[in-house]
């Protein structure tokens, strides 16, 4: 059993190694390694032998597991590793929600966002305290009035709201804005309220009733915007720890809340992009019939099939590949006809399959 400072320092070193490995892979145009693989490489490079790396990795995860009840840094590290300990209510309203941090379809995005959030928080901290040399590295050790030098990253409470807004690009991000249909409903509601106020302006009782109806029918903020406001409120309620007399909060606790809001945005995006929701949005709120959807699918497949030939054939010319194969069977008109025929078969294949088939048949 190690001390909390040892565990936090070991996790910070692993995070920094993972970030470096990911960045080097991306710079080479390669896929970054899985989180667990990168953590093991960190120990292998540190110890130089598999048996020693195995023991070191075991020690780290053993201690991380024991510290998850009291450390948000350990809780996040475990979640990225595919180990989930949190109470379902601790990460928001959805049970087992931290599993998005290690699920195959979201784990890379989650890790990228996590490092983006940590880097943004670090930058805001450095702007606030430019003379602090400890802030040159991510997840630095800091000084606490009550604990002295410790391996917990404490950030001034005054920078956290600004950092959260920068992390999520709160001012410009489309996920916080209402759709055109939702905004149209708000505008219609506001116009109706204005008409009622005009009609009742000479009747005090009716005007009072109109005010009450106006308050009940007032436009509500976008759910994501309200959730972001909730994030800021929870951040302000975090326990404070003074550093040279100024109130600070645990950066890992901030990042835990930030990842929780990221999770909510991901799930909201999934809900809003369900085929049924998209069909209703495109059809004025009315459910689309099977016949209408089939026509749309066929039109989209034909459009993609045409692009797969015309645009990709032009790209082949630009890349100088046109003369590599003189097979007359690769005529563009015939390729388009074949792709269009594939799009019209029943059941119709997804548009991506049409393009893939065209590529596989060397139409490009």
Protein backbone atom coordinates (compact mmCIF):
# COMPACT_ATOMS: atom_id res chain seq x y z
CA UNK A 1 0.00 0.00 0.00
CA UNK A 2 1.45 3.33 -1.15
CA UNK A 3 0.72 6.85 0.00
CA UNK A 4 -1.72 9.03 -1.92
CA UNK A 5 1.15 11.27 -3.01
CA UNK A 6 2.96 8.25 -4.50
CA UNK A 7 -0.19 7.12 -6.33
CA UNK A 8 -0.96 10.59 -7.68
CA UNK A 9 2.64 11.04 -8.82
CA UNK A 10 2.66 7.65 -10.56
CA UNK A 11 -0.63 8.36 -12.34
CA UNK A 12 0.62 11.81 -13.40
CA UNK A 13 3.80 10.27 -14.86
CA UNK A 14 1.71 7.69 -16.73
CA UNK A 15 -0.59 10.40 -18.10
CA UNK A 16 2.37 12.44 -19.35
CA UNK A 17 3.84 9.37 -21.06
CA UNK A 18 0.51 8.47 -22.68
CA UNK A 19 0.10 12.03 -23.96
CA UNK A 20 3.60 12.00 -25.45
CA UNK A 21 3.10 8.61 -27.12
CA UNK A 22 -0.25 9.69 -28.57
CA UNK A 23 1.18 12.92 -29.92
CA UNK A 24 4.13 11.18 -31.58
CA UNK A 25 1.79 8.65 -33.20
CA UNK A 26 -0.51 11.37 -34.50
CA UNK A 27 2.43 13.37 -35.84
CA UNK A 28 3.35 10.30 -37.93
CA UNK A 29 -0.21 9.86 -39.15
CA UNK A 30 -0.60 6.62 -37.18
CA UNK A 31 -3.35 5.55 -34.82
CA UNK A 32 -2.41 6.18 -31.17
CA UNK A 33 -2.05 3.08 -28.96
CA UNK A 34 -4.78 2.03 -26.59
CA UNK A 35 -4.59 3.59 -23.15
CA UNK A 36 -3.70 0.36 -21.35
CA UNK A 37 -1.02 -0.50 -23.91
CA UNK A 38 0.57 2.93 -23.51
CA UNK A 39 0.54 2.64 -19.72
CA UNK A 40 2.31 -0.72 -19.93
CA UNK A 41 4.88 0.72 -22.37
CA UNK A 42 5.52 3.46 -19.84
CA UNK A 43 6.49 0.86 -17.24
CA UNK A 44 8.44 -1.23 -19.73
CA UNK A 45 10.56 1.75 -20.77
CA UNK A 46 11.04 2.77 -17.14
CA UNK A 47 12.15 -0.69 -15.91
CA UNK A 48 13.58 -2.26 -19.05
CA UNK A 49 12.37 -5.80 -18.35
CA UNK A 50 8.96 -7.39 -18.75
CA UNK A 51 8.91 -9.00 -15.31
CA UNK A 52 9.73 -5.71 -13.59
CA UNK A 53 7.24 -3.81 -15.75
CA UNK A 54 4.53 -6.34 -14.87
CA UNK A 55 5.19 -5.85 -11.16
CA UNK A 56 5.25 -2.06 -11.46
CA UNK A 57 2.00 -1.98 -13.44
CA UNK A 58 0.38 -4.32 -10.92
CA UNK A 59 1.49 -2.10 -8.05
CA UNK A 60 0.07 0.98 -9.78
CA UNK A 61 -3.33 -0.53 -10.50
CA UNK A 62 -3.54 -2.19 -7.08
CA UNK A 63 -3.04 1.15 -5.40
CA UNK A 64 -5.26 3.03 -7.88
CA UNK A 65 -8.07 0.59 -7.12
CA UNK A 66 -7.69 1.15 -3.37
CA UNK A 67 -7.68 4.93 -3.79
CA UNK A 68 -10.70 5.25 -6.11
CA UNK A 69 -13.08 5.99 -3.26
CA UNK A 70 -11.21 9.15 -2.28
CA UNK A 71 -9.34 10.27 -5.42
CA UNK A 72 -10.90 11.59 -8.61
CA UNK A 73 -7.51 11.25 -10.34
CA UNK A 74 -7.53 7.52 -9.63
CA UNK A 75 -11.20 7.22 -10.54
CA UNK A 76 -10.60 8.75 -13.98
CA UNK A 77 -7.43 6.74 -14.56
CA UNK A 78 -9.28 3.53 -13.73
CA UNK A 79 -12.18 4.48 -16.01
CA UNK A 80 -9.82 5.10 -18.96
CA UNK A 81 -8.36 1.66 -18.24
CA UNK A 82 -11.80 0.04 -18.43
CA UNK A 83 -12.28 -0.36 -14.68
CA UNK A 84 -15.34 1.43 -13.28
CA UNK A 85 -15.90 1.88 -9.57
CA UNK A 86 -18.09 4.95 -9.26
CA UNK A 87 -21.55 4.96 -7.80
CA UNK A 88 -23.93 5.43 -10.78
CA UNK A 89 -25.16 8.71 -9.29
CA UNK A 90 -21.63 10.06 -8.88
CA UNK A 91 -21.05 10.77 -12.57
CA UNK A 92 -24.48 12.08 -13.45
CA UNK A 93 -27.93 10.66 -13.98
CA UNK A 94 -27.09 7.69 -16.20
CA UNK A 95 -25.97 4.42 -14.62
CA UNK A 96 -22.44 3.17 -15.42
CA UNK A 97 -21.89 6.34 -17.39
CA UNK A 98 -18.12 6.46 -17.04
CA UNK A 99 -17.99 3.39 -19.29
CA UNK A 100 -18.02 5.83 -22.22
CA UNK A 101 -14.42 6.63 -21.25
CA UNK A 102 -13.32 3.11 -22.21
CA UNK A 103 -15.99 1.94 -24.69
CA UNK A 104 -14.36 1.04 -28.04
CA UNK A 105 -16.36 3.61 -30.02
CA UNK A 106 -15.70 6.55 -27.67
CA UNK A 107 -12.50 5.85 -25.71
CA UNK A 108 -10.13 7.62 -28.10
CA UNK A 109 -12.36 10.69 -28.28
CA UNK A 110 -12.72 10.66 -24.49
CA UNK A 111 -8.96 10.53 -23.96
CA UNK A 112 -8.33 13.26 -26.52
CA UNK A 113 -10.92 15.47 -24.87
CA UNK A 114 -9.48 14.75 -21.43
CA UNK A 115 -6.00 15.87 -22.46
CA UNK A 116 -7.49 18.93 -24.19
CA UNK A 117 -9.34 19.81 -20.98
CA UNK A 118 -6.24 19.29 -18.82
CA UNK A 119 -4.09 21.39 -21.18
CA UNK A 120 -6.67 24.20 -21.18
CA UNK A 121 -6.84 24.17 -17.39
CA UNK A 122 -3.03 24.16 -17.22
CA UNK A 123 -2.82 27.13 -19.60
CA UNK A 124 -5.31 29.15 -17.55
CA UNK A 125 -3.36 28.28 -14.40
CA UNK A 126 -0.08 29.40 -15.98
CA UNK A 127 -1.68 32.65 -17.11
CA UNK A 128 -2.80 33.27 -13.53
CA UNK A 129 0.55 32.31 -11.97
CA UNK A 130 3.26 32.77 -14.65
CA UNK A 131 6.15 32.57 -12.17
CA UNK A 132 5.25 29.07 -10.94
CA UNK A 133 7.82 26.73 -12.51
CA UNK A 134 5.85 23.64 -11.42
CA UNK A 135 3.20 24.45 -14.01
CA UNK A 136 5.56 23.64 -16.88
CA UNK A 137 4.31 20.03 -16.77
CA UNK A 138 0.80 18.67 -16.82
CA UNK A 139 -0.58 17.41 -13.48
CA UNK A 140 2.05 19.27 -11.45
CA UNK A 141 2.73 18.94 -7.73
CA UNK A 142 1.52 22.01 -5.84
CA UNK A 143 1.74 23.58 -2.41
CA UNK A 144 -1.13 23.59 0.06
CA UNK A 145 -1.33 25.67 3.25
CA UNK A 146 -2.63 22.62 5.11
CA UNK A 147 -0.66 19.79 3.46
CA UNK A 148 2.54 21.47 2.28
CA UNK A 149 4.06 20.19 -0.97
CA UNK A 150 1.78 17.50 -2.36
CA UNK A 151 1.15 15.59 -5.59
CA UNK A 152 -2.35 17.01 -5.94
CA UNK A 153 -2.85 19.63 -8.63
CA UNK A 154 -4.66 22.57 -7.01
CA UNK A 155 -5.97 25.37 -9.25
CA UNK A 156 -7.30 28.80 -8.25
CA UNK A 157 -11.08 28.77 -8.06
CA UNK A 158 -11.09 32.10 -9.92
CA UNK A 159 -9.85 30.51 -13.16
CA UNK A 160 -12.11 27.45 -13.27
CA UNK A 161 -15.20 29.04 -14.81
CA UNK A 162 -13.13 30.66 -17.56
CA UNK A 163 -11.32 27.37 -18.18
CA UNK A 164 -14.59 25.42 -18.44
CA UNK A 165 -15.95 27.90 -20.98
CA UNK A 166 -12.76 27.58 -23.02
CA UNK A 167 -12.74 23.77 -22.80
CA UNK A 168 -16.24 23.52 -24.28
CA UNK A 169 -16.03 26.66 -26.46
CA UNK A 170 -19.20 27.69 -24.68
CA UNK A 171 -19.70 30.86 -26.70
CA UNK A 172 -19.55 29.28 -30.16
CA UNK A 173 -20.30 25.55 -29.80
CA UNK A 174 -23.39 24.54 -31.76
CA UNK A 175 -24.40 21.95 -29.17
CA UNK A 176 -25.59 24.75 -26.87
CA UNK A 177 -27.79 26.42 -29.49
CA UNK A 178 -31.35 25.52 -30.30
CA UNK A 179 -32.27 24.10 -33.68
CA UNK A 180 -34.12 26.25 -36.20
CA UNK A 181 -37.36 24.44 -35.36
CA UNK A 182 -36.88 24.98 -31.62
CA UNK A 183 -36.00 28.64 -32.16
CA UNK A 184 -39.06 29.08 -34.38
CA UNK A 185 -41.23 27.70 -31.58
CA UNK A 186 -39.69 30.18 -29.13
CA UNK A 187 -40.26 33.06 -31.56
CA UNK A 188 -43.88 32.06 -32.09
CA UNK A 189 -44.40 31.79 -28.32
CA UNK A 190 -42.85 35.22 -27.78
CA UNK A 191 -45.07 36.74 -30.48
CA UNK A 192 -48.17 35.21 -28.91
CA UNK A 193 -47.19 36.57 -25.49
CA UNK A 194 -46.65 40.03 -26.97
CA UNK A 195 -50.09 39.94 -28.56
CA UNK A 196 -51.72 38.93 -25.27
CA UNK A 197 -49.92 41.73 -23.42
CA UNK A 198 -51.15 44.23 -26.00
CA UNK A 199 -54.71 42.95 -25.72
CA UNK A 200 -54.76 43.11 -21.90
CA UNK A 201 -52.80 46.31 -21.28
CA UNK A 202 -55.94 48.22 -20.23
CA UNK A 203 -57.23 45.48 -17.89
CA UNK A 204 -55.05 45.13 -14.72
CA UNK A 205 -56.43 41.71 -13.76
CA UNK A 206 -56.12 40.30 -17.24
CA UNK A 207 -52.64 41.82 -17.48
CA UNK A 208 -51.61 40.09 -14.26
CA UNK A 209 -52.92 36.76 -15.54
CA UNK A 210 -51.04 37.35 -18.78
CA UNK A 211 -47.83 37.94 -16.84
CA UNK A 212 -48.28 34.63 -15.01
CA UNK A 213 -48.94 32.82 -18.29
CA UNK A 214 -45.89 34.55 -19.76
CA UNK A 215 -43.68 33.30 -16.93
CA UNK A 216 -44.94 29.75 -17.40
CA UNK A 217 -44.60 29.85 -21.18
CA UNK A 218 -41.29 31.69 -21.36
CA UNK A 219 -38.65 30.15 -23.58
CA UNK A 220 -36.41 27.74 -21.72
CA UNK A 221 -32.66 27.58 -22.39
CA UNK A 222 -31.27 24.71 -24.42
CA UNK A 223 -30.92 21.64 -22.17
CA UNK A 224 -27.18 21.53 -22.85
CA UNK A 225 -26.84 25.18 -21.87
CA UNK A 226 -28.69 24.48 -18.63
CA UNK A 227 -26.45 21.46 -18.03
CA UNK A 228 -23.36 23.64 -18.52
CA UNK A 229 -24.68 26.10 -15.95
CA UNK A 230 -25.12 23.13 -13.63
CA UNK A 231 -21.48 22.18 -14.25
CA UNK A 232 -20.34 25.65 -13.18
CA UNK A 233 -22.52 25.49 -10.07
CA UNK A 234 -21.05 22.12 -9.04
CA UNK A 235 -17.51 23.38 -9.64
CA UNK A 236 -18.12 26.31 -7.30
CA UNK A 237 -19.30 23.88 -4.61
CA UNK A 238 -16.07 21.82 -4.66
CA UNK A 239 -14.08 21.74 -1.39
CA UNK A 240 -11.56 24.57 -1.14
CA UNK A 241 -7.91 24.30 -0.10
CA UNK A 242 -5.92 27.48 0.48
CA UNK A 243 -2.63 28.06 -1.31
CA UNK A 244 -0.84 31.05 0.21
CA UNK A 245 -4.23 32.22 1.43
CA UNK A 246 -6.05 31.98 -1.92
CA UNK A 247 -8.86 29.41 -2.31
CA UNK A 248 -7.99 26.57 -4.70
CA UNK A 249 -9.82 23.41 -5.80
CA UNK A 250 -8.63 19.99 -6.88
CA UNK A 251 -8.01 20.01 -10.64
CA UNK A 252 -8.85 16.31 -10.84
CA UNK A 253 -12.27 16.98 -9.31
CA UNK A 254 -12.81 19.69 -11.93
CA UNK A 255 -11.78 17.32 -14.72
CA UNK A 256 -14.11 14.64 -13.35
CA UNK A 257 -17.05 17.06 -13.60
CA UNK A 258 -15.89 18.24 -17.04
CA UNK A 259 -15.78 14.66 -18.34
CA UNK A 260 -19.25 14.14 -16.91
CA UNK A 261 -20.57 17.08 -18.96
CA UNK A 262 -18.72 15.79 -22.03
CA UNK A 263 -20.47 12.47 -21.51
CA UNK A 264 -23.85 14.22 -21.39
CA UNK A 265 -23.11 16.05 -24.65
CA UNK A 266 -22.11 12.79 -26.36
CA UNK A 267 -25.29 11.04 -25.24
CA UNK A 268 -27.41 14.04 -26.23
CA UNK A 269 -25.79 13.99 -29.66
CA UNK A 270 -26.56 10.30 -30.00
CA UNK A 271 -30.17 10.88 -29.04
CA UNK A 272 -30.57 13.75 -31.48
CA UNK A 273 -29.03 11.82 -34.39
CA UNK A 274 -31.16 8.71 -34.13
CA UNK A 275 -32.62 8.03 -37.60
CA UNK A 276 -36.15 8.60 -36.28
CA UNK A 277 -35.23 11.98 -34.79
CA UNK A 278 -33.46 13.09 -37.97
CA UNK A 279 -36.37 11.99 -40.13
CA UNK A 280 -38.82 13.96 -38.00
CA UNK A 281 -36.60 17.05 -38.05
CA UNK A 282 -36.36 16.91 -41.83
CA UNK A 283 -40.09 16.32 -42.22
CA UNK A 284 -41.48 19.14 -40.11
CA UNK A 285 -41.93 17.03 -37.00
CA UNK A 286 -43.98 14.37 -38.81
CA UNK A 287 -42.95 10.74 -38.85
CA UNK A 288 -41.64 9.69 -42.24
CA UNK A 289 -43.37 6.80 -43.96
CA UNK A 290 -41.41 3.76 -45.10
CA UNK A 291 -42.00 4.73 -48.73
CA UNK A 292 -40.69 8.26 -48.18
CA UNK A 293 -37.63 6.96 -46.35
CA UNK A 294 -36.94 4.43 -49.11
CA UNK A 295 -37.04 7.22 -51.71
CA UNK A 296 -34.62 9.31 -49.64
CA UNK A 297 -32.29 6.35 -49.16
CA UNK A 298 -32.27 5.65 -52.88
CA UNK A 299 -31.60 9.30 -53.73
CA UNK A 300 -28.72 9.47 -51.23
CA UNK A 301 -27.22 6.22 -52.46
CA UNK A 302 -27.40 7.43 -56.06
CA UNK A 303 -25.80 10.75 -55.10
CA UNK A 304 -22.93 9.01 -53.31
CA UNK A 305 -22.53 6.58 -56.18
CA UNK A 306 -22.20 9.48 -58.62
CA UNK A 307 -19.62 11.17 -56.40
CA UNK A 308 -17.73 7.90 -56.08
CA UNK A 309 -17.17 7.94 -59.83
CA UNK A 310 -17.06 11.53 -61.04
CA UNK A 311 -15.18 13.13 -58.17
CA UNK A 312 -12.88 10.20 -57.46
CA UNK A 313 -12.09 9.79 -61.17
CA UNK A 314 -11.05 13.44 -61.26
CA UNK A 315 -8.91 12.83 -58.19
CA UNK A 316 -7.27 9.89 -59.96
CA UNK A 317 -6.36 12.19 -62.83
CA UNK A 318 -4.86 14.74 -60.43
CA UNK A 319 -2.77 12.07 -58.74
CA UNK A 320 -1.41 10.84 -62.05
CA UNK A 321 -2.92 7.38 -61.72
CA UNK A 322 -5.06 7.43 -64.87
CA UNK A 323 -2.45 5.72 -67.03
CA UNK A 324 -1.67 2.86 -64.67
CA UNK A 325 -4.49 0.68 -65.91
CA UNK A 326 -6.02 0.87 -69.38
CA UNK A 327 -8.70 -1.73 -68.69
CA UNK A 328 -11.73 -0.56 -70.75
CA UNK A 329 -14.02 -2.10 -68.12
CA UNK A 330 -13.17 0.85 -65.88
CA UNK A 331 -15.09 3.30 -68.07
CA UNK A 332 -16.71 5.93 -65.86
CA UNK A 333 -20.17 5.63 -67.41
CA UNK A 334 -20.23 1.90 -66.87
CA UNK A 335 -18.94 2.35 -63.33
CA UNK A 336 -21.71 4.78 -62.55
CA UNK A 337 -24.31 2.47 -64.05
CA UNK A 338 -23.08 -0.44 -61.96
CA UNK A 339 -23.01 1.64 -58.79
CA UNK A 340 -26.49 3.01 -59.47
CA UNK A 341 -27.80 -0.49 -60.09
CA UNK A 342 -26.31 -1.57 -56.78
CA UNK A 343 -28.10 1.31 -55.10
CA UNK A 344 -31.44 0.30 -56.57
CA UNK A 345 -31.44 -3.35 -55.52
CA UNK A 346 -33.73 -4.47 -52.74
CA UNK A 347 -32.88 -4.35 -49.92
CA UNK A 348 -30.86 -1.25 -50.68
CA UNK A 349 -27.30 -1.24 -49.28
CA UNK A 350 -26.08 1.67 -47.16
CA UNK A 351 -24.47 4.48 -49.13
CA UNK A 352 -21.08 3.66 -47.61
CA UNK A 353 -21.31 0.12 -48.97
CA UNK A 354 -21.96 1.48 -52.47
CA UNK A 355 -18.83 3.61 -52.32
CA UNK A 356 -16.80 0.77 -50.83
CA UNK A 357 -17.91 -1.55 -53.61
CA UNK A 358 -16.91 1.01 -56.23
CA UNK A 359 -13.47 1.33 -54.65
CA UNK A 360 -13.06 -2.40 -54.36
CA UNK A 361 -13.95 -2.83 -58.05
CA UNK A 362 -11.25 -0.31 -58.98
CA UNK A 363 -13.59 2.30 -60.39
CA UNK A 364 -11.23 4.89 -58.90
